[in-house]
N, C-alpha and C. Protein backbone atom coordinates (compact mmCIF):
# COMPACT_ATOMS: atom_id res chain seq x y z
N MET A 1 -28.65 -103.41 95.13
CA MET A 1 -29.68 -104.56 95.42
C MET A 1 -29.15 -105.25 94.10
N LYS A 2 -28.53 -106.82 94.23
CA LYS A 2 -28.49 -107.48 92.92
C LYS A 2 -29.58 -108.30 92.64
N ASN A 3 -29.61 -108.18 91.41
CA ASN A 3 -30.69 -109.51 90.73
C ASN A 3 -30.09 -110.69 90.94
N PRO A 4 -30.70 -111.48 91.51
CA PRO A 4 -30.05 -112.82 91.53
C PRO A 4 -30.35 -113.90 90.21
N LEU A 5 -31.14 -113.38 89.67
CA LEU A 5 -31.21 -113.94 87.91
C LEU A 5 -30.14 -113.90 87.09
N THR A 6 -29.34 -112.41 87.22
CA THR A 6 -28.37 -111.82 86.28
C THR A 6 -27.20 -111.93 87.26
N TYR A 7 -26.89 -112.39 88.21
CA TYR A 7 -25.79 -112.51 88.97
C TYR A 7 -24.95 -113.38 88.20
N LYS A 8 -25.02 -114.45 87.95
CA LYS A 8 -24.05 -115.60 87.36
C LYS A 8 -23.68 -114.81 86.08
N MET A 9 -24.69 -114.44 85.12
CA MET A 9 -24.27 -113.93 83.96
C MET A 9 -23.52 -112.86 83.75
N GLU A 10 -23.57 -112.22 84.47
CA GLU A 10 -22.93 -111.07 84.75
C GLU A 10 -21.64 -111.13 85.22
N SER A 11 -21.12 -112.28 86.10
CA SER A 11 -19.72 -112.53 86.76
C SER A 11 -19.08 -113.22 85.38
N SER A 12 -19.84 -113.92 84.26
CA SER A 12 -18.88 -114.80 83.34
C SER A 12 -18.70 -114.10 82.47
N LEU A 13 -19.64 -113.15 82.20
CA LEU A 13 -19.39 -112.01 81.04
C LEU A 13 -18.16 -111.25 81.49
N GLY A 14 -17.80 -110.78 82.91
CA GLY A 14 -16.95 -110.16 83.22
C GLY A 14 -15.52 -111.14 83.00
N ALA A 15 -15.46 -112.11 83.30
CA ALA A 15 -14.46 -113.08 82.91
C ALA A 15 -14.06 -113.24 81.69
N VAL A 16 -15.02 -113.21 81.17
CA VAL A 16 -14.69 -113.11 79.48
C VAL A 16 -14.08 -111.96 79.44
N PHE A 17 -14.53 -110.69 79.31
CA PHE A 17 -14.03 -109.68 79.35
C PHE A 17 -12.68 -109.68 79.54
N ILE A 18 -12.16 -109.66 80.69
CA ILE A 18 -10.69 -109.47 81.39
C ILE A 18 -10.21 -110.72 80.73
N SER A 19 -10.65 -111.92 80.17
CA SER A 19 -9.56 -112.93 79.73
C SER A 19 -9.12 -112.36 78.49
N LEU A 20 -10.12 -111.52 77.49
CA LEU A 20 -9.90 -111.08 76.22
C LEU A 20 -9.04 -109.91 76.39
N LEU A 21 -9.11 -108.83 77.34
CA LEU A 21 -8.32 -107.69 77.74
C LEU A 21 -6.85 -107.95 78.12
N ALA A 22 -6.55 -109.37 78.53
CA ALA A 22 -5.19 -109.94 79.10
C ALA A 22 -4.65 -110.53 77.64
N LEU A 23 -5.85 -111.42 76.83
CA LEU A 23 -4.91 -111.45 75.76
C LEU A 23 -4.56 -110.36 74.55
N PHE A 24 -5.31 -109.45 74.96
CA PHE A 24 -4.68 -108.16 73.93
C PHE A 24 -3.58 -107.56 74.32
N PHE A 25 -3.34 -107.46 75.67
CA PHE A 25 -2.17 -107.05 76.08
C PHE A 25 -0.94 -108.15 76.10
N ILE A 26 -1.29 -109.50 76.24
CA ILE A 26 -0.10 -110.55 75.84
C ILE A 26 0.64 -110.34 74.17
N GLY A 27 -0.80 -110.24 73.30
CA GLY A 27 -0.35 -109.89 72.07
C GLY A 27 0.29 -108.71 71.77
N LEU A 28 0.26 -107.65 72.39
CA LEU A 28 1.14 -106.41 72.52
C LEU A 28 2.51 -106.20 72.75
N LEU A 29 2.56 -107.24 73.62
CA LEU A 29 3.82 -107.96 74.41
C LEU A 29 4.51 -108.49 73.45
N PHE A 30 3.89 -109.39 72.77
CA PHE A 30 4.68 -110.56 72.02
C PHE A 30 5.17 -109.68 70.65
N ILE A 31 4.39 -108.58 70.17
CA ILE A 31 4.79 -107.77 69.03
C ILE A 31 5.81 -106.94 69.21
N ALA A 32 5.50 -106.29 70.80
CA ALA A 32 6.91 -105.13 71.01
C ALA A 32 8.33 -106.21 71.04
N ILE A 33 7.98 -107.67 71.66
CA ILE A 33 9.22 -108.14 71.45
C ILE A 33 10.14 -108.48 70.19
N LYS A 34 8.99 -109.08 69.24
CA LYS A 34 9.16 -109.08 67.95
C LYS A 34 9.96 -107.84 67.19
N ASN A 35 9.65 -106.57 67.29
CA ASN A 35 10.00 -105.36 66.75
C ASN A 35 11.10 -104.72 67.47
N PHE A 36 11.35 -105.44 68.69
CA PHE A 36 12.96 -105.32 69.34
C PHE A 36 13.77 -106.03 68.71
N ASN A 37 13.33 -107.27 68.48
CA ASN A 37 14.41 -108.43 67.97
C ASN A 37 14.65 -107.83 66.76
N THR A 38 14.00 -107.28 65.83
CA THR A 38 14.12 -106.59 64.45
C THR A 38 15.05 -105.24 64.81
N ASP A 39 14.70 -104.60 65.53
CA ASP A 39 15.60 -103.78 65.97
C ASP A 39 17.23 -103.97 65.98
N ILE A 40 17.07 -105.16 66.86
CA ILE A 40 18.66 -105.67 67.12
C ILE A 40 19.08 -105.88 65.88
N ASP A 41 18.70 -106.58 65.31
CA ASP A 41 18.84 -106.93 63.91
C ASP A 41 19.22 -105.71 63.07
N ILE A 42 18.78 -104.81 63.20
CA ILE A 42 19.25 -103.67 62.15
C ILE A 42 20.39 -103.24 62.32
N MET A 43 20.69 -102.90 63.87
CA MET A 43 21.62 -102.35 64.55
C MET A 43 23.05 -103.32 64.32
N THR A 44 22.82 -104.40 64.11
CA THR A 44 24.09 -105.47 64.05
C THR A 44 24.18 -105.27 62.42
N VAL A 45 23.42 -105.09 61.50
CA VAL A 45 23.56 -104.99 60.18
C VAL A 45 24.63 -103.76 60.01
N SER A 46 24.00 -102.84 60.74
CA SER A 46 24.71 -101.22 60.25
C SER A 46 25.69 -101.20 61.12
N SER A 47 26.14 -101.87 62.35
CA SER A 47 27.47 -101.67 62.68
C SER A 47 28.35 -102.51 61.95
N ASN A 48 28.16 -103.62 61.16
CA ASN A 48 29.22 -104.09 60.34
C ASN A 48 29.71 -103.90 59.08
N THR A 49 28.87 -102.65 59.02
CA THR A 49 29.11 -101.74 57.55
C THR A 49 30.51 -100.94 57.66
N PRO A 50 31.40 -101.13 56.77
CA PRO A 50 32.27 -100.04 56.95
C PRO A 50 32.42 -98.36 56.64
N ASN A 51 33.04 -97.99 57.54
CA ASN A 51 32.82 -96.69 58.28
C ASN A 51 33.83 -95.83 57.07
N ILE A 52 33.12 -94.94 56.53
CA ILE A 52 33.98 -93.62 55.42
C ILE A 52 34.64 -92.77 56.30
N ARG A 53 35.89 -92.88 56.09
CA ARG A 53 36.37 -91.87 56.97
C ARG A 53 36.84 -90.69 56.34
N LYS A 54 37.21 -89.61 56.64
CA LYS A 54 37.91 -88.29 55.84
C LYS A 54 39.11 -88.56 55.58
N ILE A 55 39.33 -88.39 54.81
CA ILE A 55 40.78 -88.22 53.74
C ILE A 55 41.49 -87.18 54.51
N SER A 56 42.31 -87.40 54.99
CA SER A 56 43.20 -85.77 55.47
C SER A 56 44.24 -85.33 54.03
N ASP A 57 44.19 -83.78 54.02
CA ASP A 57 44.88 -83.24 52.99
C ASP A 57 46.35 -83.72 52.44
N SER A 58 47.28 -84.15 53.10
CA SER A 58 48.32 -84.62 52.87
C SER A 58 47.89 -86.25 51.96
N GLU A 59 47.09 -87.36 52.51
CA GLU A 59 46.80 -88.22 51.75
C GLU A 59 46.41 -87.73 50.38
N LEU A 60 45.17 -87.04 50.61
CA LEU A 60 44.26 -86.51 49.15
C LEU A 60 45.63 -86.16 48.19
N ALA A 61 46.37 -85.34 48.77
CA ALA A 61 47.60 -85.16 47.35
C ALA A 61 48.26 -86.37 46.90
N LEU A 62 48.76 -87.01 48.14
CA LEU A 62 49.02 -88.38 47.57
C LEU A 62 48.29 -89.22 46.84
N VAL A 63 46.81 -89.01 46.75
CA VAL A 63 46.09 -90.08 46.10
C VAL A 63 45.76 -89.32 44.49
N GLN A 64 45.81 -87.93 44.78
CA GLN A 64 45.51 -87.54 43.20
C GLN A 64 47.18 -87.75 42.36
N GLU A 65 48.08 -87.70 43.05
CA GLU A 65 49.46 -87.85 42.31
C GLU A 65 49.48 -89.35 41.93
N TRP A 66 49.12 -90.27 42.58
CA TRP A 66 48.94 -91.88 42.12
C TRP A 66 48.04 -92.05 41.08
N ILE A 67 46.78 -91.12 41.17
CA ILE A 67 45.73 -91.33 40.10
C ILE A 67 46.66 -90.91 38.75
N LYS A 68 47.37 -89.63 38.71
CA LYS A 68 47.81 -89.28 37.36
C LYS A 68 48.79 -90.25 37.07
N ILE A 69 49.68 -90.66 37.74
CA ILE A 69 50.73 -91.82 37.80
C ILE A 69 50.18 -93.13 37.16
N ASN A 70 48.87 -93.53 37.74
CA ASN A 70 48.71 -94.96 37.13
C ASN A 70 47.16 -94.78 35.81
N HIS A 71 47.05 -93.42 35.89
CA HIS A 71 45.74 -93.57 34.88
C HIS A 71 44.48 -93.98 35.70
N VAL A 72 43.98 -93.87 36.46
CA VAL A 72 42.94 -94.28 36.94
C VAL A 72 41.72 -93.52 36.95
N GLU A 73 40.75 -94.03 36.74
CA GLU A 73 39.36 -93.10 35.97
C GLU A 73 38.66 -93.22 37.47
N ILE A 74 37.83 -92.24 37.87
CA ILE A 74 36.93 -92.50 38.88
C ILE A 74 35.68 -92.31 38.40
N PRO A 75 34.20 -92.88 38.23
CA PRO A 75 33.28 -92.73 37.70
C PRO A 75 32.55 -91.22 38.09
N GLU A 76 31.96 -90.70 37.30
CA GLU A 76 31.54 -89.42 37.83
C GLU A 76 30.24 -89.79 38.76
N GLY A 77 30.61 -88.64 39.82
CA GLY A 77 29.43 -88.75 41.15
C GLY A 77 29.87 -89.89 42.11
N ARG A 78 30.94 -90.42 42.21
CA ARG A 78 31.52 -91.72 43.00
C ARG A 78 32.61 -90.57 43.94
N GLY A 79 33.50 -90.18 43.72
CA GLY A 79 34.73 -89.37 44.46
C GLY A 79 35.52 -90.35 44.90
N TYR A 80 36.38 -89.87 46.07
CA TYR A 80 37.25 -90.54 46.61
C TYR A 80 36.97 -91.80 47.11
N ASN A 81 35.50 -91.82 47.68
CA ASN A 81 34.97 -92.95 48.43
C ASN A 81 35.28 -93.90 47.77
N TYR A 82 34.89 -94.01 46.43
CA TYR A 82 35.00 -95.20 45.54
C TYR A 82 36.56 -95.57 45.63
N LEU A 83 37.56 -94.67 45.50
CA LEU A 83 38.78 -95.44 45.64
C LEU A 83 39.13 -96.29 46.93
N MET A 84 38.43 -95.37 47.83
CA MET A 84 38.89 -96.33 49.32
C MET A 84 38.24 -97.58 49.18
N ARG A 85 37.03 -98.00 48.57
CA ARG A 85 36.50 -99.12 48.66
C ARG A 85 37.32 -100.03 47.49
N ARG A 86 37.26 -99.58 46.26
CA ARG A 86 37.83 -100.16 45.19
C ARG A 86 39.62 -100.55 45.55
N TYR A 87 40.18 -99.85 46.12
CA TYR A 87 41.64 -100.11 46.81
C TYR A 87 41.86 -100.12 48.14
N PRO A 88 41.28 -101.23 48.81
CA PRO A 88 41.23 -100.90 50.69
C PRO A 88 42.97 -101.18 51.02
N GLY A 89 43.59 -101.66 50.21
CA GLY A 89 45.25 -101.58 50.55
C GLY A 89 45.78 -100.35 50.77
N ARG A 90 45.09 -99.49 50.01
CA ARG A 90 45.62 -98.02 50.11
C ARG A 90 47.39 -97.56 49.15
N PRO A 91 47.22 -98.25 48.27
CA PRO A 91 48.69 -98.53 47.07
C PRO A 91 49.36 -97.11 47.15
N TRP A 92 48.50 -96.21 47.29
CA TRP A 92 49.03 -94.73 47.34
C TRP A 92 50.11 -94.39 48.10
N LEU A 93 49.75 -95.58 49.47
CA LEU A 93 50.82 -94.86 50.44
C LEU A 93 52.27 -95.67 50.53
N ASP A 94 51.93 -96.59 49.61
CA ASP A 94 53.44 -97.40 49.50
C ASP A 94 54.57 -96.59 49.17
């Protein structure tokens, strides 16, 4: 049995509750879309970075000989990847 004095109060309070719940889920949707765009930006930036490739044994021998001839110094802890970035034209193959 419904109380006729509180019927309109209950329905308007329910409408406010459902509206707030809908706004909450819409807010979650916007946050998810913003995070998705951020993930897309991160993937775009990471795909533009150069890939570090492995040096074959024959190319490694050429690099070592080229270093001896040209007296190139490699900073400690940098390795041959430093040479690949510093000399992108790979002059040891000429």
